[in-house]
């Protein structure tokens, strides 16, 4: 019986609807959508690096947001 090992809950369900980063996520999605063309131009025809720049920028933003919150305490 391995059914308890898996979840059918979406990741969205783990984040409260009124979480302060939800509006920021919309802005970031829009900005990254506009930057996608630039990313395509600066990478070689053989493809991008193993970690997409969009994911790296998202990770950096989360790090900044959460380190600011931690330092505020």
Protein backbone atom coordinates (compact mmCIF):
# COMPACT_ATOMS: atom_id res chain seq x y z
CA UNK A 1 0.00 0.00 0.00
CA UNK A 2 1.81 3.10 -1.22
CA UNK A 3 -1.19 5.40 -1.69
CA UNK A 4 -0.30 7.54 1.38
CA UNK A 5 3.04 8.39 -0.26
CA UNK A 6 1.33 10.43 -2.97
CA UNK A 7 -0.76 13.54 -2.78
CA UNK A 8 -3.42 14.78 -5.14
CA UNK A 9 -3.34 18.30 -3.71
CA UNK A 10 -2.07 21.06 -5.99
CA UNK A 11 0.81 23.25 -4.83
CA UNK A 12 -1.53 26.23 -5.08
CA UNK A 13 -3.56 24.72 -2.24
CA UNK A 14 -0.61 25.00 0.15
CA UNK A 15 -0.32 28.79 -0.24
CA UNK A 16 -3.04 30.91 1.35
CA UNK A 17 -5.12 32.91 -1.13
CA UNK A 18 -4.25 36.15 0.69
CA UNK A 19 -0.49 35.49 0.85
CA UNK A 20 1.47 38.69 0.27
CA UNK A 21 3.62 37.21 -2.50
CA UNK A 22 0.68 36.25 -4.74
CA UNK A 23 0.41 39.76 -6.32
CA UNK A 24 4.20 39.85 -6.69
CA UNK A 25 4.04 36.55 -8.53
CA UNK A 26 1.73 38.09 -11.13
CA UNK A 27 4.18 40.95 -11.70
CA UNK A 28 7.12 38.56 -11.93
CA UNK A 29 5.27 36.32 -14.41
CA UNK A 30 4.55 39.32 -16.62
CA UNK A 31 8.15 40.59 -16.45
CA UNK A 32 9.63 37.17 -17.20
CA UNK A 33 7.22 36.70 -20.10
CA UNK A 34 8.54 39.96 -21.59
CA UNK A 35 12.16 38.94 -20.96
CA UNK A 36 11.74 35.53 -22.60
CA UNK A 37 12.56 36.91 -26.06
CA UNK A 38 15.78 38.42 -24.75
CA UNK A 39 16.76 35.16 -23.08
CA UNK A 40 16.16 33.33 -26.36
CA UNK A 41 18.44 35.76 -28.21
CA UNK A 42 21.39 35.61 -25.81
CA UNK A 43 21.53 31.81 -25.64
CA UNK A 44 23.12 29.65 -28.29
CA UNK A 45 21.01 27.79 -30.83
CA UNK A 46 21.89 24.53 -29.10
CA UNK A 47 19.79 25.51 -26.10
CA UNK A 48 19.87 27.14 -22.72
CA UNK A 49 21.83 26.23 -19.64
CA UNK A 50 20.51 23.43 -17.45
CA UNK A 51 18.70 25.88 -15.17
CA UNK A 52 16.49 28.36 -16.99
CA UNK A 53 17.25 32.01 -16.17
CA UNK A 54 13.57 32.49 -15.28
CA UNK A 55 13.88 29.91 -12.50
CA UNK A 56 17.11 31.45 -11.23
CA UNK A 57 15.52 34.90 -11.09
CA UNK A 58 12.50 33.52 -9.23
CA UNK A 59 14.75 31.79 -6.71
CA UNK A 60 16.76 34.97 -6.20
CA UNK A 61 13.62 37.02 -5.62
CA UNK A 62 12.31 34.53 -3.06
CA UNK A 63 15.66 34.58 -1.31
CA UNK A 64 15.60 38.36 -1.14
CA UNK A 65 12.00 38.54 0.06
CA UNK A 66 12.43 35.93 2.77
CA UNK A 67 15.81 37.22 3.95
CA UNK A 68 14.27 40.69 4.34
CA UNK A 69 11.46 39.21 6.42
CA UNK A 70 13.93 37.24 8.55
CA UNK A 71 16.09 40.32 9.13
CA UNK A 72 13.06 42.36 10.16
CA UNK A 73 12.58 40.17 13.23
